[in-house]
Each structure stands twice: as C-alpha cells, then as structure tokens.
C-alpha cells in the first residue's frame, strides 16, 4: 500500500478578540489591484523538511511550540486569519475578519503523521508526497480562507518533521510571505529563551500602494481573470495529463558557481558592472530552457517574471509592507538568438533592460499585465519566479535549518523558481520542463560541481 498521510488533530489558531483594536486597516482589508491580479491563482504551498537530530524535542513539544508561536505572531499578520471575500455591490475584493456572532477569525493548524520515507523525499522530488505535506485551502468559489498550516511527523525509520504552509497569493507577495515565515520561525525558536521578533512591524494597509485609477484597474483585472465571480477558476492550471508529461529537478548553485556565472556573462555582454544574481540566473535559465526545447527558429521566446515595486513607487512603499507590490515583466528574443553563441549575453541584457524599464515607469503598462501574458504563444514562455534573496533555509523553528524546501507543485512547462540556497551565497533553482527535454536541459543548465537533487520523479 502506498504511504499516506494520516491527520491526527486539527486546531483553530484564533485571532484574539476584544481588547486593543487591530492595527490599520482593522477587520476589513480592501485589496489593491496588485492583490486582485492573483485572485484566480492557486494558493502558494511551501513545504519545509527537517531532519531529526538526537537532541530533537518530542514531537508533541514541536507541535506546541509551533502552535504557540503562530498564536503570538498572528495579531501582527491579522489579515492571514481572515476570509478572502468578493462584494457584488462594490465589485471589489477584500479580506474580512469577522467578529462577534459572525464567528472568530482563525487559521487552521493540522497535526498529522506519515509513513513516507523522509530521506528519499529529501533526495527525490515527489509531487504526490509534497501535496500531502502542505494544507490545501483552494476553493472554486469565494469566500475562501487565506492561510492554513500543517506539521507532520515521519513515523518511519529515521524520523523527520515537515512544516507545510498554504497562503493565498492575494494577501501577500513573496517578500511578504517570507517576512511572515521569518517572524513565525524566530518566535518559535525564541520561546524557551524569551526572545522576541526584533524586526519592524509588518504593514498591511493597502493605502500604501494607492495610485490614480487603482479601483478601475482592480475591476478590470477581475473582469479579465474571473468574469464569473464569485467563482474563481485556477489561472492556467495544467491539465492532469499534461502535468504527467513534466519532470522537475532542483539544482543548487554554490556561491562560487554563481560568481563564475556573473563574471562570464558580464564579460560576454560587456556590461561594465557586475550583474545581479537574479539577472544572471534568469538569463541562464531562459537560455537553457529555450535550447533544451529546441527553439532555433525566428519566433520569439518570452521570459516572464515579476519585479518588486516597493522602492520604485511614488511615494515609496515601506519594505515592511506585506501585500502584493509587483509588476509583471516580459522580455523576448528570437529562438535563433537564444540558440546562438551570443544567446546568454543577449538574454542578460534583455532581462536587465526589462528591469530598468519597470524602474523608470513602474505602472506604465499596468492595464496590459493580464493580456500581455495571455498573448504569448503556447509553449513559448519561460516563467521565472521567486528570488535568490528569499531566505528559504533560514526558516529555523528551533530544530535547525531545513534539509530541503520545496513548492508543493509546479504546473508549467518551462518554469523556474529561485530561492536562496542552504549555504551562504548559494542559489536553489527548481525547474519543471517536459520530461523528454529534462536530460538536455540538465546538461545545459548545470555548472561544474553544482549539486542536483530531486532528479528522478515525473510530475
């Protein structure tokens, strides 16, 4: 019989009622166009795998620490305890935190056990297993919960612990989500010593990202993405039969490998300055995926990615802002250009120019964000997500760094997700591509002595 997950208990981590009022914006959080853009996307589901060292606390103590620390940080992230809601009267999205007779605000917290092989899961990607280790809060129709958490004990040989988190993208972008995970894990790790989070308070007030015409833009996004509200169909979710034809692998680039890549691409592109880690990893992934898929014609191949606008809005948006503040960016080159000897240098310059353009005019083509992606011919997009600065392996709940951090699923043929690697300066890149193209891709993407994990499993 295949290993399965067995839930033990489900708790509600309740947002305290009464007493001091919640920070602005209180119990109703009207969402911005940046948030509305993600309403049809399945929630982000992250899984953190932790080994069981000899000194590890009993699992009951781990569950208690995770629950207590989540309860402590939830007031600072109170929208996470709310419900994503659509108002037909105002045609607007908001997160509502009910009170009184309407019910308490809470986050579902699941305790579970599994017979899955922990060591195999660390070394090999297994979508079915990862999906079991992260809660599923997706709904076909609003209202929908914003967040849930799960902690799972591996009861087979060797043990291990998984912490899974699901958060709806409409409440936070990547920067906001990782801020929450850092605060939760730091609070859990500091419970015994009485240490508290020393970072700035998170900000959720969408007035921080207001601009002329934002209400109209939010309505436009909702009309384009989910014309049948309150029903929300997942955005471009891959059909099951297509997903079975994909394969996924996770690569870790050492700090020295990243530096060599920067030096090589900077010299080839004659940039005169050292390019950013994101730019070189994005260019390297774009070229490797395009070449592996055999794009040698003169038809454009697109790179699609997101740019953080906090430092480029007017007025500037504080770094502690948790809500979405992202622009959709694209760059394109002909397949023959990416396949040629100058392909990596051209890709780097195209990525840098797309970033520079959004810095010059952050909201310049905002009304085209949805249609721009829809207009890309099927199969000709390389999707670049995440950031090499997201501190995936810094999420330490008090029992060490994760052995592995992964998304529960990836659905697109030609998708790459970046996070910071386990060692300082390293980068983890997880790639999904058609199964028959993975071997060619791996040969192009790997650099000397780079580590690869999650090699064999199809998704």
Protein backbone atom coordinates (compact mmCIF):
# COMPACT_ATOMS: atom_id res chain seq x y z
CA UNK A 1 0.00 0.00 0.00
CA UNK A 2 1.32 3.46 -0.91
CA UNK A 3 2.35 5.67 2.03
CA UNK A 4 -0.37 8.08 3.05
CA UNK A 5 -0.80 10.96 5.41
CA UNK A 6 -2.97 10.46 8.48
CA UNK A 7 -4.33 13.61 10.16
CA UNK A 8 -4.32 13.39 13.94
CA UNK A 9 -5.88 16.66 15.05
CA UNK A 10 -6.98 19.97 13.58
CA UNK A 11 -6.80 23.11 15.70
CA UNK A 12 -8.02 26.63 15.10
CA UNK A 13 -5.38 29.25 15.90
CA UNK A 14 -7.73 32.05 16.88
CA UNK A 15 -7.01 35.72 16.44
CA UNK A 16 -7.61 37.30 19.87
CA UNK A 17 -10.92 39.13 20.09
CA UNK A 18 -11.64 42.28 22.07
CA UNK A 19 -9.01 44.32 23.89
CA UNK A 20 -6.87 46.62 21.78
CA UNK A 21 -8.14 47.20 18.24
CA UNK A 22 -6.31 45.57 15.37
CA UNK A 23 -3.73 47.70 13.57
CA UNK A 24 -4.84 49.53 10.45
CA UNK A 25 -6.68 48.55 8.31
CA UNK A 26 -8.57 46.66 11.01
CA UNK A 27 -11.16 43.97 10.36
CA UNK A 28 -11.76 44.73 6.70
CA UNK A 29 -8.77 44.93 4.36
CA UNK A 30 -9.79 46.27 0.93
CA UNK A 31 -7.40 44.76 -1.60
CA UNK A 32 -5.41 46.61 -4.25
CA UNK A 33 -5.08 45.85 -7.98
CA UNK A 34 -1.73 44.23 -7.15
CA UNK A 35 -3.67 41.75 -4.97
CA UNK A 36 -6.59 41.31 -7.37
CA UNK A 37 -4.16 40.15 -10.06
CA UNK A 38 -3.63 36.89 -8.12
CA UNK A 39 -7.22 36.05 -7.16
CA UNK A 40 -7.56 33.05 -9.50
CA UNK A 41 -4.13 31.58 -8.85
CA UNK A 42 -3.96 28.51 -6.56
CA UNK A 43 -2.54 29.36 -3.11
CA UNK A 44 1.21 29.22 -2.58
CA UNK A 45 2.06 25.95 -0.80
CA UNK A 46 5.54 25.57 0.71
CA UNK A 47 6.97 22.51 2.45
CA UNK A 48 9.95 22.60 4.84
CA UNK A 49 11.60 19.26 5.67
CA UNK A 50 13.61 18.96 8.91
CA UNK A 51 15.78 16.03 9.94
CA UNK A 52 15.52 14.51 13.42
CA UNK A 53 18.81 15.07 15.31
CA UNK A 54 19.37 13.16 18.57
CA UNK A 55 18.55 16.25 20.61
CA UNK A 56 15.27 16.95 18.81
CA UNK A 57 12.34 17.76 21.08
CA UNK A 58 9.49 15.26 21.34
CA UNK A 59 7.02 15.79 18.53
CA UNK A 60 4.34 16.91 20.99
CA UNK A 61 6.67 19.73 22.11
CA UNK A 62 7.31 20.71 18.49
CA UNK A 63 3.58 20.94 17.83
CA UNK A 64 3.09 23.00 20.98
CA UNK A 65 5.90 25.41 20.05
CA UNK A 66 4.59 25.88 16.51
CA UNK A 67 1.04 26.49 17.72
CA UNK A 68 2.06 28.88 20.50
CA UNK A 69 4.37 30.89 18.27
CA UNK A 70 1.78 31.13 15.48
CA UNK A 71 -0.74 32.39 18.02
CA UNK A 72 1.76 35.06 19.10
CA UNK A 73 2.58 36.35 15.63
CA UNK A 74 -0.94 36.16 14.18
CA UNK A 75 -2.04 39.58 15.53
CA UNK A 76 0.84 41.17 13.59
CA UNK A 77 -0.32 39.30 10.46
CA UNK A 78 -4.04 39.53 11.22
CA UNK A 79 -5.21 39.50 7.55
CA UNK A 80 -3.84 35.93 7.34
CA UNK A 81 -6.63 34.88 9.73
CA UNK A 82 -9.34 36.38 7.53
CA UNK A 83 -11.51 35.28 4.65
CA UNK A 84 -11.00 36.37 1.03
CA UNK A 85 -14.34 37.87 0.00
CA UNK A 86 -15.92 39.45 -3.08
CA UNK A 87 -18.59 42.11 -2.76
CA UNK A 88 -21.13 42.14 -5.64
CA UNK A 89 -22.30 45.59 -4.52
CA UNK A 90 -18.92 47.28 -4.88
CA UNK A 91 -17.35 44.75 -7.29
CA UNK A 92 -14.32 44.72 -5.02
CA UNK A 93 -12.16 42.17 -3.22
CA UNK A 94 -11.34 42.36 0.46
CA UNK A 95 -10.15 40.26 3.36
CA UNK A 96 -12.76 40.21 6.10
CA UNK A 97 -12.05 39.33 9.73
CA UNK A 98 -15.47 38.56 11.25
CA UNK A 99 -16.15 39.13 14.92
CA UNK A 100 -18.91 38.56 17.45
CA UNK A 101 -21.78 36.42 16.25
CA UNK A 102 -20.25 36.19 12.78
CA UNK A 103 -17.54 33.89 14.15
CA UNK A 104 -13.95 34.06 15.29
CA UNK A 105 -11.03 34.69 12.95
CA UNK A 106 -8.64 31.77 12.84
CA UNK A 107 -6.02 29.82 10.93
CA UNK A 108 -6.46 26.06 10.58
CA UNK A 109 -3.49 24.14 12.01
CA UNK A 110 -3.26 20.42 11.21
CA UNK A 111 -1.19 17.85 13.11
CA UNK A 112 -0.51 14.69 11.09
CA UNK A 113 1.73 11.65 10.66
CA UNK A 114 3.02 9.81 7.60
CA UNK A 115 4.89 6.64 6.61
CA UNK A 116 6.66 8.46 3.76
CA UNK A 117 10.41 7.90 3.51
CA UNK A 118 11.95 11.16 4.72
CA UNK A 119 15.43 10.61 3.23
CA UNK A 120 14.03 9.69 -0.17
CA UNK A 121 11.84 12.79 -0.17
CA UNK A 122 14.87 14.97 0.59
CA UNK A 123 16.75 13.50 -2.37
CA UNK A 124 13.95 12.99 -4.90
CA UNK A 125 11.05 15.19 -5.88
CA UNK A 126 7.67 13.52 -5.29
CA UNK A 127 4.70 15.77 -6.04
CA UNK A 128 2.12 13.41 -4.55
CA UNK A 129 4.06 13.32 -1.27
CA UNK A 130 4.66 17.07 -1.11
CA UNK A 131 0.99 17.76 -1.80
CA UNK A 132 0.09 15.70 1.27
CA UNK A 133 2.52 17.68 3.46
CA UNK A 134 1.01 21.10 2.73
CA UNK A 135 -2.61 22.04 3.54
CA UNK A 136 -4.94 22.78 0.64
CA UNK A 137 -7.07 25.92 1.05
CA UNK A 138 -8.06 26.34 -2.58
CA UNK A 139 -11.73 26.98 -3.24
CA UNK A 140 -13.56 27.07 -6.56
CA UNK A 141 -15.70 29.92 -5.29
CA UNK A 142 -15.22 32.80 -2.86
CA UNK A 143 -15.25 33.24 0.09
CA UNK A 144 -12.02 31.35 0.75
CA UNK A 145 -9.61 31.03 3.70
CA UNK A 146 -6.39 32.99 3.44
CA UNK A 147 -3.98 30.67 5.27
CA UNK A 148 -3.51 27.23 6.86
CA UNK A 149 -0.55 25.38 8.38
CA UNK A 150 0.36 21.73 8.91
CA UNK A 151 3.05 19.89 10.88
CA UNK A 152 3.69 16.24 10.03
CA UNK A 153 5.73 13.62 11.87
CA UNK A 154 7.55 10.99 9.78
CA UNK A 155 6.96 7.84 11.78
CA UNK A 156 9.07 5.54 9.62
CA UNK A 157 12.77 4.79 10.06
CA UNK A 158 14.94 7.84 10.76
CA UNK A 159 12.03 10.13 11.51
CA UNK A 160 11.78 13.76 10.44
CA UNK A 161 9.35 16.65 10.55
CA UNK A 162 7.60 18.58 7.79
CA UNK A 163 6.09 22.03 8.20
CA UNK A 164 3.70 22.94 5.41
CA UNK A 165 2.14 26.34 4.81
CA UNK A 166 -0.55 27.47 2.35
CA UNK A 167 -1.15 31.19 1.82
CA UNK A 168 -3.39 32.80 -0.78
CA UNK A 169 -1.30 35.00 -3.10
CA UNK A 170 -3.85 37.82 -2.85
CA UNK A 171 -2.83 38.55 0.77
CA UNK A 172 0.95 38.69 0.29
CA UNK A 173 3.67 38.59 -2.33
CA UNK A 174 6.88 36.62 -1.93
CA UNK A 175 8.56 39.27 0.16
CA UNK A 176 5.55 39.46 2.49
CA UNK A 177 5.26 35.67 2.81
CA UNK A 178 8.92 35.23 3.71
CA UNK A 179 8.65 38.03 6.27
CA UNK A 180 5.84 36.10 7.92
CA UNK A 181 7.82 32.84 7.87
CA UNK A 182 10.87 34.57 9.35
CA UNK A 183 8.81 36.10 12.15
CA UNK A 184 6.96 32.87 12.93
CA UNK A 185 10.11 30.73 12.97
CA UNK A 186 12.11 33.27 15.01
CA UNK A 187 9.30 33.43 17.56
CA UNK A 188 9.12 29.63 17.79
CA UNK A 189 12.89 29.33 18.19
CA UNK A 190 12.94 32.03 20.86
CA UNK A 191 10.15 30.72 23.08
CA UNK A 192 12.45 28.99 25.58
CA UNK A 193 14.80 31.96 25.90
CA UNK A 194 12.01 34.52 25.91
CA UNK A 195 13.40 36.14 22.77
CA UNK A 196 11.01 38.14 20.60
CA UNK A 197 11.00 39.25 16.97
CA UNK A 198 13.29 42.25 16.58
CA UNK A 199 12.30 43.27 13.06
CA UNK A 200 9.91 46.07 12.04
CA UNK A 201 6.18 45.55 12.41
CA UNK A 202 4.57 44.23 9.21
CA UNK A 203 2.31 46.67 7.33
CA UNK A 204 -0.93 45.62 5.61
CA UNK A 205 -2.68 48.91 4.79
CA UNK A 206 -3.33 48.95 1.04
CA UNK A 207 -3.42 52.76 1.08
CA UNK A 208 0.37 52.49 0.96
CA UNK A 209 0.12 51.38 -2.69
CA UNK A 210 -2.72 53.58 -3.91
CA UNK A 211 -2.45 55.44 -7.23
CA UNK A 212 -4.78 57.23 -9.64
CA UNK A 213 -7.20 54.81 -11.26
CA UNK A 214 -6.41 51.89 -8.96
CA UNK A 215 -10.06 50.99 -8.33
CA UNK A 216 -10.78 50.89 -12.06
CA UNK A 217 -7.70 48.74 -12.63
CA UNK A 218 -8.76 46.28 -9.93
CA UNK A 219 -12.18 45.91 -11.57
CA UNK A 220 -10.52 45.41 -14.97
CA UNK A 221 -8.33 42.62 -13.60
CA UNK A 222 -11.33 40.89 -12.03
CA UNK A 223 -13.30 41.11 -15.28
CA UNK A 224 -10.38 39.68 -17.25
CA UNK A 225 -9.39 36.95 -14.85
CA UNK A 226 -12.66 35.80 -13.28
CA UNK A 227 -15.71 37.01 -15.20
CA UNK A 228 -17.91 34.52 -13.31
CA UNK A 229 -17.28 35.87 -9.81
CA UNK A 230 -17.64 34.71 -7.12
CA UNK A 231 -16.42 31.58 -8.93
CA UNK A 232 -12.64 31.65 -9.35
CA UNK A 233 -11.17 29.17 -11.78
CA UNK A 234 -7.45 28.45 -11.22
CA UNK A 235 -5.34 30.57 -13.53
CA UNK A 236 -3.99 28.44 -16.37
CA UNK A 237 -3.78 25.30 -14.28
CA UNK A 238 -2.20 22.48 -16.22
CA UNK A 239 -4.42 19.58 -17.23
CA UNK A 240 -3.60 16.34 -15.33
CA UNK A 241 -2.49 14.55 -18.48
CA UNK A 242 -0.12 17.41 -19.36
CA UNK A 243 1.32 17.55 -15.87
CA UNK A 244 2.21 13.87 -16.09
CA UNK A 245 4.44 14.71 -19.04
CA UNK A 246 6.52 17.15 -16.98
CA UNK A 247 9.59 16.41 -14.93
CA UNK A 248 11.00 18.53 -12.15
CA UNK A 249 14.51 18.85 -10.71
CA UNK A 250 16.09 21.06 -8.09
CA UNK A 251 19.60 22.45 -8.63
CA UNK A 252 21.81 24.19 -6.08
CA UNK A 253 24.40 26.64 -7.41
CA UNK A 254 27.23 27.27 -4.96
CA UNK A 255 28.31 30.83 -4.20
CA UNK A 256 31.44 30.30 -6.31
CA UNK A 257 29.37 28.94 -9.21
CA UNK A 258 27.09 31.99 -9.09
CA UNK A 259 30.13 34.27 -9.07
CA UNK A 260 31.67 32.48 -12.07
CA UNK A 261 28.39 32.82 -13.95
CA UNK A 262 28.25 36.54 -13.17
CA UNK A 263 31.81 37.06 -14.38
CA UNK A 264 31.27 35.10 -17.58
CA UNK A 265 28.01 36.80 -18.56
CA UNK A 266 29.28 40.27 -17.61
CA UNK A 267 32.32 39.76 -19.85
CA UNK A 268 30.30 38.35 -22.74
CA UNK A 269 27.71 41.15 -22.51
CA UNK A 270 30.34 43.82 -21.84
CA UNK A 271 28.16 45.36 -19.16
CA UNK A 272 31.00 47.08 -17.31
CA UNK A 273 29.34 46.26 -13.99
CA UNK A 274 28.58 43.07 -12.10
CA UNK A 275 25.03 41.94 -12.92
CA UNK A 276 22.57 40.96 -10.18
CA UNK A 277 22.19 37.36 -9.09
CA UNK A 278 18.58 37.35 -10.31
CA UNK A 279 19.55 38.68 -13.76
CA UNK A 280 22.25 36.06 -14.39
CA UNK A 281 20.15 33.17 -13.04
CA UNK A 282 17.14 34.31 -15.07
CA UNK A 283 19.23 34.64 -18.24
CA UNK A 284 20.89 31.26 -17.68
CA UNK A 285 17.54 29.57 -17.10
CA UNK A 286 15.89 31.29 -20.07
CA UNK A 287 18.63 30.23 -22.48
CA UNK A 288 18.91 26.68 -21.11
CA UNK A 289 15.15 26.05 -21.30
CA UNK A 290 14.84 27.55 -24.79
CA UNK A 291 17.74 25.49 -26.12
CA UNK A 292 16.55 22.28 -24.44
CA UNK A 293 13.13 22.74 -26.04
CA UNK A 294 14.76 23.12 -29.46
CA UNK A 295 13.71 26.72 -30.16
CA UNK A 296 16.05 27.63 -33.04
CA UNK A 297 13.58 29.45 -35.31
CA UNK A 298 12.95 33.19 -35.58
CA UNK A 299 9.77 33.10 -33.47
CA UNK A 300 10.09 34.98 -30.15
CA UNK A 301 10.68 33.11 -26.90
CA UNK A 302 9.49 35.11 -23.89
CA UNK A 303 10.86 35.37 -20.37
CA UNK A 304 8.12 36.33 -17.90
CA UNK A 305 8.93 37.44 -14.36
CA UNK A 306 7.87 39.80 -11.56
CA UNK A 307 9.57 42.94 -10.28
CA UNK A 308 9.23 44.28 -6.73
CA UNK A 309 7.97 47.88 -6.96
CA UNK A 310 8.37 48.97 -3.32
CA UNK A 311 11.47 51.05 -3.99
CA UNK A 312 10.09 52.50 -7.25
CA UNK A 313 6.56 53.65 -6.42
CA UNK A 314 5.82 57.29 -5.65
CA UNK A 315 5.66 57.68 -2.74
CA UNK A 316 7.98 54.81 -1.87
CA UNK A 317 6.38 51.76 -0.26
CA UNK A 318 7.99 50.66 3.05
CA UNK A 319 9.96 47.43 2.94
CA UNK A 320 7.76 46.07 5.76
CA UNK A 321 4.67 46.18 3.53
CA UNK A 322 3.29 42.63 3.26
CA UNK A 323 0.69 42.96 0.49
CA UNK A 324 1.44 42.48 -3.18
CA UNK A 325 3.55 45.19 -4.79
CA UNK A 326 4.72 43.58 -8.02
CA UNK A 327 4.80 44.40 -11.71
CA UNK A 328 4.54 41.79 -14.45
CA UNK A 329 7.54 41.98 -16.81
CA UNK A 330 8.41 40.29 -20.08
CA UNK A 331 11.46 40.15 -22.31
CA UNK A 332 11.68 38.41 -25.67
CA UNK A 333 14.33 37.20 -28.09
CA UNK A 334 14.08 35.05 -31.18
CA UNK A 335 14.76 31.37 -30.68
CA UNK A 336 17.67 31.62 -33.11
CA UNK A 337 19.19 34.40 -30.98
CA UNK A 338 18.95 32.38 -27.78
CA UNK A 339 20.38 29.33 -29.56
CA UNK A 340 23.35 31.27 -30.95
CA UNK A 341 26.74 31.82 -29.30
CA UNK A 342 25.71 35.26 -28.05
CA UNK A 343 22.45 33.96 -26.58
CA UNK A 344 23.42 34.16 -22.87
CA UNK A 345 24.77 37.70 -23.22
CA UNK A 346 21.70 38.84 -25.17
CA UNK A 347 19.42 37.23 -22.61
CA UNK A 348 21.19 39.03 -19.75
CA UNK A 349 20.89 42.41 -21.48
CA UNK A 350 17.20 41.81 -22.28
CA UNK A 351 16.45 40.91 -18.64
CA UNK A 352 18.35 43.98 -17.41
CA UNK A 353 16.50 46.25 -19.84
CA UNK A 354 13.10 44.91 -18.74
CA UNK A 355 14.04 45.58 -15.11
CA UNK A 356 15.31 49.06 -15.97
CA UNK A 357 12.08 49.84 -17.81
CA UNK A 358 9.90 48.95 -14.85
CA UNK A 359 12.10 51.09 -12.59
CA UNK A 360 11.65 54.05 -14.95
CA UNK A 361 7.88 53.66 -15.16
CA UNK A 362 6.57 51.09 -12.64
CA UNK A 363 2.94 51.31 -13.72
CA UNK A 364 3.41 52.18 -17.36
CA UNK A 365 1.66 49.17 -18.90
CA UNK A 366 -0.38 48.08 -15.89
CA UNK A 367 -3.61 47.70 -17.86
CA UNK A 368 -1.86 45.12 -20.11
CA UNK A 369 -0.49 42.80 -17.42
CA UNK A 370 -3.18 40.17 -17.98
CA UNK A 371 -3.40 40.41 -21.76
CA UNK A 372 0.37 40.55 -22.16
CA UNK A 373 0.80 37.07 -20.69
CA UNK A 374 -2.27 35.69 -22.49
CA UNK A 375 -0.84 36.89 -25.82
CA UNK A 376 2.31 34.75 -25.54
CA UNK A 377 2.01 31.77 -27.93
CA UNK A 378 1.52 28.46 -26.09
CA UNK A 379 4.80 26.87 -25.07
CA UNK A 380 6.91 29.95 -25.87
CA UNK A 381 7.09 31.36 -22.32
CA UNK A 382 9.82 30.71 -19.79
CA UNK A 383 8.35 31.60 -16.39
CA UNK A 384 10.86 32.89 -13.83
CA UNK A 385 9.52 33.05 -10.28
CA UNK A 386 10.86 33.63 -6.78
CA UNK A 387 14.04 35.42 -5.81
CA UNK A 388 17.59 34.37 -4.88
CA UNK A 389 17.11 36.52 -1.76
CA UNK A 390 14.15 34.61 -0.32
CA UNK A 391 15.68 33.00 2.82
CA UNK A 392 14.21 29.51 2.46
CA UNK A 393 16.87 27.80 4.55
CA UNK A 394 16.80 30.47 7.25
CA UNK A 395 13.38 29.28 8.43
CA UNK A 396 14.53 27.63 11.67
CA UNK A 397 11.74 26.90 14.15
CA UNK A 398 14.24 25.85 16.80
CA UNK A 399 15.29 22.49 15.40
CA UNK A 400 17.84 23.52 12.79
CA UNK A 401 17.87 24.54 9.15
CA UNK A 402 15.60 22.66 6.76
CA UNK A 403 17.09 19.72 4.90
CA UNK A 404 15.03 20.75 1.89
CA UNK A 405 12.47 23.40 0.97
CA UNK A 406 10.12 22.97 -1.99
CA UNK A 407 6.89 24.17 -3.50
CA UNK A 408 4.20 21.52 -3.30
CA UNK A 409 3.66 21.70 -7.07
CA UNK A 410 4.73 23.37 -10.29
CA UNK A 411 2.46 23.26 -13.31
CA UNK A 412 4.13 24.99 -16.26
CA UNK A 413 6.39 23.52 -18.94
CA UNK A 414 9.40 25.82 -18.73
CA UNK A 415 9.10 27.20 -15.19
CA UNK A 416 11.99 28.07 -12.85
CA UNK A 417 11.61 29.05 -9.17
CA UNK A 418 14.51 30.65 -7.27
CA UNK A 419 15.24 30.88 -3.53
CA UNK A 420 18.42 31.37 -1.54
CA UNK A 421 20.30 28.10 -1.07
CA UNK A 422 21.23 26.41 2.19
CA UNK A 423 24.83 27.71 2.20
CA UNK A 424 25.64 31.46 2.20
CA UNK A 425 25.64 32.94 -1.29
CA UNK A 426 24.23 29.81 -2.95
CA UNK A 427 21.03 29.73 -5.03
CA UNK A 428 18.45 26.96 -5.34
CA UNK A 429 16.69 26.73 -8.70
CA UNK A 430 13.80 24.32 -9.21
CA UNK A 431 12.80 23.71 -12.82
CA UNK A 432 9.81 21.99 -14.43
CA UNK A 433 10.06 21.04 -18.11
CA UNK A 434 8.72 18.40 -20.48
CA UNK A 435 10.09 15.04 -19.36
CA UNK A 436 11.73 14.28 -22.70
CA UNK A 437 13.62 17.61 -22.53
CA UNK A 438 14.98 17.33 -18.99
CA UNK A 439 18.19 15.47 -19.84
CA UNK A 440 19.14 18.05 -22.45
CA UNK A 441 18.20 20.89 -20.11
CA UNK A 442 20.26 19.46 -17.27
CA UNK A 443 23.34 19.23 -19.49
CA UNK A 444 22.99 22.90 -20.41
CA UNK A 445 21.96 24.26 -17.02
CA UNK A 446 24.38 22.53 -14.65
CA UNK A 447 27.70 24.16 -13.90
CA UNK A 448 30.78 22.26 -12.75
CA UNK A 449 30.38 20.79 -9.26
CA UNK A 450 26.85 22.14 -8.84
CA UNK A 451 24.63 19.93 -6.72
CA UNK A 452 21.45 18.47 -8.13
CA UNK A 453 18.64 16.88 -6.14
CA UNK A 454 15.14 15.68 -6.92
CA UNK A 455 16.31 14.03 -10.11
CA UNK A 456 14.06 11.17 -10.96
CA UNK A 457 10.41 11.85 -10.36
CA UNK A 458 7.93 12.88 -13.01
CA UNK A 459 5.25 15.39 -12.16
